[in-house]
N, C-alpha and C. Protein backbone atom coordinates (compact mmCIF):
# COMPACT_ATOMS: atom_id res chain seq x y z
N MET A 1 82.51 68.23 15.26
CA MET A 1 80.99 68.52 15.65
C MET A 1 80.66 67.33 15.36
N CYS A 2 80.27 67.17 13.53
CA CYS A 2 79.98 65.87 13.40
C CYS A 2 80.28 64.28 13.71
N GLU A 3 80.84 63.98 14.51
CA GLU A 3 82.04 62.89 14.83
C GLU A 3 81.23 62.67 15.82
N LEU A 4 79.98 63.17 16.67
CA LEU A 4 79.02 62.36 17.31
C LEU A 4 77.75 61.59 16.71
N TYR A 5 77.54 62.27 15.00
CA TYR A 5 76.80 62.14 14.25
C TYR A 5 77.25 60.62 13.16
N ALA A 6 78.80 61.05 13.47
CA ALA A 6 79.16 59.81 12.08
C ALA A 6 79.47 58.85 12.53
N GLN A 7 79.82 58.46 14.05
CA GLN A 7 80.33 57.59 14.68
C GLN A 7 79.30 56.53 14.95
N GLU A 8 78.10 57.03 14.76
CA GLU A 8 76.56 56.27 14.99
C GLU A 8 76.67 54.73 14.22
N PRO A 9 76.88 53.41 14.30
CA PRO A 9 77.03 52.47 13.57
C PRO A 9 75.64 52.30 12.21
N GLN A 10 76.34 51.92 11.38
CA GLN A 10 75.43 51.72 9.74
C GLN A 10 74.43 51.21 10.19
N THR A 11 74.53 50.07 11.02
CA THR A 11 72.87 49.29 11.08
C THR A 11 72.29 50.30 11.75
N SER A 12 72.34 51.14 12.45
CA SER A 12 71.18 52.06 13.40
C SER A 12 70.47 52.71 12.28
N TYR A 13 70.91 52.97 10.87
CA TYR A 13 69.90 53.60 10.02
C TYR A 13 69.65 52.66 8.80
N ASP A 14 69.87 51.07 9.15
CA ASP A 14 69.13 50.33 8.14
C ASP A 14 68.00 50.52 8.07
N SER A 15 67.04 49.59 7.67
CA SER A 15 65.71 49.68 7.28
C SER A 15 65.31 48.24 7.49
N THR A 16 64.49 47.82 9.16
CA THR A 16 63.46 46.64 9.17
C THR A 16 62.39 46.88 9.17
N LYS A 17 61.59 46.11 7.84
CA LYS A 17 60.43 45.49 7.86
C LYS A 17 59.84 45.21 9.23
N ARG A 18 58.79 45.25 9.27
CA ARG A 18 58.01 44.54 10.59
C ARG A 18 56.62 44.62 10.31
N SER A 19 56.01 43.61 10.14
CA SER A 19 54.68 43.58 10.28
C SER A 19 53.53 43.48 11.89
N ILE A 20 52.52 44.42 11.53
CA ILE A 20 51.88 44.78 12.54
C ILE A 20 50.17 44.29 12.44
N ARG A 21 49.51 44.36 13.36
CA ARG A 21 48.28 44.43 12.98
C ARG A 21 47.85 45.94 13.38
N ILE A 22 46.87 46.37 12.55
CA ILE A 22 46.06 47.46 13.16
C ILE A 22 44.80 47.60 12.86
N GLN A 23 43.47 47.45 14.31
CA GLN A 23 42.60 47.80 13.74
C GLN A 23 42.09 46.82 12.90
N GLY A 24 42.83 45.45 13.16
CA GLY A 24 42.25 44.01 12.31
C GLY A 24 43.02 43.78 10.84
N VAL A 25 43.56 44.91 10.36
CA VAL A 25 44.74 44.50 9.28
C VAL A 25 46.15 44.61 9.72
N VAL A 26 46.99 43.37 9.43
CA VAL A 26 47.78 43.54 8.78
C VAL A 26 48.82 44.39 8.10
N THR A 27 49.89 45.16 8.69
CA THR A 27 50.36 46.88 7.66
C THR A 27 51.98 46.33 8.03
N SER A 28 52.77 46.77 7.27
CA SER A 28 53.79 46.60 6.94
C SER A 28 54.48 47.97 7.42
N ILE A 29 55.63 47.70 8.28
CA ILE A 29 56.26 48.98 8.49
C ILE A 29 57.76 49.54 8.19
N SER A 30 58.33 50.07 7.49
CA SER A 30 59.99 49.44 7.05
C SER A 30 60.15 51.05 7.93
N LEU A 31 60.72 50.70 9.24
CA LEU A 31 61.84 52.05 9.85
C LEU A 31 63.13 51.46 10.07
N GLU A 32 63.88 52.60 9.99
CA GLU A 32 65.46 52.59 10.93
C GLU A 32 65.47 51.69 11.95
N ASN A 33 66.13 50.94 12.25
CA ASN A 33 66.63 50.64 13.58
C ASN A 33 66.54 51.25 14.63
N LYS A 34 66.80 52.47 14.52
CA LYS A 34 67.15 53.27 15.29
C LYS A 34 65.60 53.87 15.70
N ILE A 35 64.92 53.66 15.20
CA ILE A 35 63.54 54.30 15.08
C ILE A 35 62.69 53.46 15.88
N TRP A 36 63.26 51.97 15.33
CA TRP A 36 62.34 50.73 16.34
C TRP A 36 62.68 50.63 17.52
N GLN A 37 64.35 50.77 18.20
CA GLN A 37 64.74 51.26 19.48
C GLN A 37 63.97 52.21 19.76
N ILE A 38 63.81 53.35 19.83
CA ILE A 38 63.38 54.27 20.12
C ILE A 38 61.53 53.68 20.87
N LEU A 39 60.95 53.56 19.99
CA LEU A 39 59.79 52.69 19.82
C LEU A 39 59.69 51.43 20.73
N GLU A 40 60.48 51.02 21.15
CA GLU A 40 60.63 49.82 21.75
C GLU A 40 60.74 50.25 23.30
N ARG A 41 61.56 51.27 23.39
CA ARG A 41 61.91 52.18 24.75
C ARG A 41 60.55 52.99 24.95
N ILE A 42 59.66 53.43 23.87
CA ILE A 42 58.54 53.87 24.28
C ILE A 42 57.73 52.99 25.34
N ALA A 43 57.42 52.04 24.20
CA ALA A 43 56.05 50.81 24.66
C ALA A 43 56.81 50.25 26.13
N ALA A 44 57.69 50.75 26.24
CA ALA A 44 58.28 50.00 27.34
C ALA A 44 58.11 50.46 28.82
N ASP A 45 58.15 52.26 28.25
CA ASP A 45 57.52 53.16 29.30
C ASP A 45 56.18 52.90 29.29
N GLU A 46 55.30 52.71 28.54
CA GLU A 46 54.03 52.39 28.37
C GLU A 46 53.66 51.18 28.93
N LYS A 47 54.42 50.20 29.13
CA LYS A 47 54.32 48.71 29.68
C LYS A 47 53.61 48.45 28.78
N VAL A 48 53.27 48.52 27.32
CA VAL A 48 52.75 47.83 26.27
C VAL A 48 54.00 47.12 25.40
N THR A 49 53.57 46.44 24.35
CA THR A 49 54.33 45.93 23.21
C THR A 49 54.59 46.87 21.88
N VAL A 50 55.52 46.54 21.68
CA VAL A 50 55.50 47.88 20.09
C VAL A 50 54.66 48.04 19.20
N PRO A 51 53.41 46.94 18.87
CA PRO A 51 52.38 46.60 18.12
C PRO A 51 51.56 47.23 18.83
N GLU A 52 51.15 47.13 20.25
CA GLU A 52 49.95 47.23 21.21
C GLU A 52 50.07 49.40 21.10
N PHE A 53 51.46 49.60 21.39
CA PHE A 53 51.67 51.37 21.27
C PHE A 53 51.48 51.69 20.18
N ILE A 54 51.41 50.59 18.96
CA ILE A 54 51.44 51.60 17.51
C ILE A 54 49.85 51.18 17.41
N SER A 55 49.47 50.60 17.61
CA SER A 55 48.39 50.18 17.21
C SER A 55 47.20 51.60 17.87
N THR A 56 47.82 51.72 19.42
CA THR A 56 47.19 52.90 20.54
C THR A 56 46.86 54.44 19.84
N LEU A 57 47.84 54.48 19.28
CA LEU A 57 48.61 55.70 19.02
C LEU A 57 48.05 56.21 17.81
N TYR A 58 47.94 54.69 16.87
CA TYR A 58 47.30 54.84 15.37
C TYR A 58 45.63 55.73 15.60
N GLN A 59 44.97 54.63 16.76
CA GLN A 59 43.37 55.21 16.70
C GLN A 59 43.27 56.41 17.53
N GLU A 60 44.37 56.82 18.59
CA GLU A 60 44.16 58.09 18.91
C GLU A 60 44.59 59.15 18.23
N VAL A 61 45.26 59.41 16.89
CA VAL A 61 45.08 59.81 15.94
C VAL A 61 44.23 60.18 14.71
N ILE A 62 43.52 58.96 14.59
CA ILE A 62 42.37 58.89 13.90
C ILE A 62 41.16 59.75 14.66
N GLU A 63 41.28 59.69 16.05
CA GLU A 63 40.40 60.19 16.62
C GLU A 63 40.25 62.25 16.82
N ARG A 64 41.51 62.38 16.53
CA ARG A 64 41.98 63.97 17.07
C ARG A 64 41.88 63.97 15.65
N HIS A 65 42.76 63.60 14.52
CA HIS A 65 42.45 64.31 12.98
C HIS A 65 41.60 63.41 12.22
N GLY A 66 41.18 62.72 12.28
CA GLY A 66 40.73 61.82 11.23
C GLY A 66 41.13 60.76 10.10
N SER A 67 42.14 60.54 10.61
CA SER A 67 43.05 59.97 9.35
C SER A 67 44.61 59.86 9.77
N VAL A 68 45.75 59.45 9.20
CA VAL A 68 46.88 58.70 9.53
C VAL A 68 47.30 58.70 8.17
N LYS A 69 47.90 59.90 7.35
CA LYS A 69 48.25 60.33 5.85
C LYS A 69 49.54 59.45 5.68
N ASN A 70 50.25 59.27 6.95
CA ASN A 70 51.21 58.54 6.69
C ASN A 70 52.06 58.16 7.84
N LEU A 71 51.87 56.37 7.81
CA LEU A 71 51.89 55.89 9.84
C LEU A 71 53.84 55.88 9.56
N ALA A 72 54.40 55.34 9.25
CA ALA A 72 56.10 55.65 9.04
C ALA A 72 56.70 56.97 9.84
N SER A 73 55.90 57.94 8.67
CA SER A 73 56.65 59.52 9.48
C SER A 73 55.99 60.03 10.45
N MET A 74 54.57 59.27 10.82
CA MET A 74 54.31 59.50 12.43
C MET A 74 54.79 59.08 13.76
N LEU A 75 55.54 58.10 13.39
CA LEU A 75 56.38 57.10 14.04
C LEU A 75 57.66 57.74 14.08
N ARG A 76 58.19 58.27 13.10
CA ARG A 76 59.66 58.89 12.96
C ARG A 76 59.24 60.11 14.08
N VAL A 77 58.80 61.07 13.65
CA VAL A 77 57.95 62.43 14.43
C VAL A 77 57.21 62.08 15.74
N THR A 78 57.35 60.65 16.20
CA THR A 78 56.64 60.66 17.31
C THR A 78 58.24 60.27 18.23
N CYS A 79 59.00 59.81 17.65
CA CYS A 79 60.34 59.35 18.39
C CYS A 79 61.11 60.76 18.29
N LEU A 80 60.95 61.50 17.42
CA LEU A 80 61.49 62.64 17.82
C LEU A 80 60.67 63.38 18.93
N THR A 81 59.93 63.14 19.35
CA THR A 81 59.38 64.29 20.22
C THR A 81 59.43 63.64 21.62
N TYR A 82 59.75 62.22 21.51
CA TYR A 82 59.99 61.68 22.71
C TYR A 82 61.05 61.78 23.04
N ALA A 83 62.04 61.63 22.14
CA ALA A 83 63.32 62.04 22.36
C ALA A 83 63.66 63.31 22.88
N LEU A 84 63.55 64.40 21.99
CA LEU A 84 63.45 65.45 22.51
C LEU A 84 63.19 66.16 24.05
N ASN A 85 61.66 65.90 24.61
CA ASN A 85 60.71 65.85 25.49
C ASN A 85 61.32 65.03 26.79
N SER A 86 62.12 63.79 26.43
CA SER A 86 62.43 63.58 28.41
C SER A 86 63.74 62.96 28.32
N LYS A 87 64.08 61.81 29.11
CA LYS A 87 65.35 61.89 29.30
C LYS A 87 66.14 61.33 28.42
N PRO A 88 67.30 61.27 28.19
CA PRO A 88 68.57 60.88 27.36
C PRO A 88 68.58 59.63 27.01
N LEU A 89 68.40 59.34 25.71
CA LEU A 89 68.21 57.67 25.24
C LEU A 89 69.50 57.03 25.76
N CYS A 90 70.56 57.52 26.32
CA CYS A 90 71.67 56.64 26.55
C CYS A 90 71.65 56.00 28.25
């Protein structure tokens, strides 16, 4: 059972920090490489760059909920939601 998960390369869960501009402010986000890969796929599906996608999503969450309490967690949940509700990532 665990072979599917154990065979994942360690680089997938290594973290990478990227800086993006959200509402005119440069923000650093540290996420696992696999999460960045999924964000790249989501952005490509939306025909935007990853920073554009994150900035748009951030603004939409602000409009709906008034704030974003934890940006990195929001992005991880976004990727989980995408993975669970779309075609296979393979």
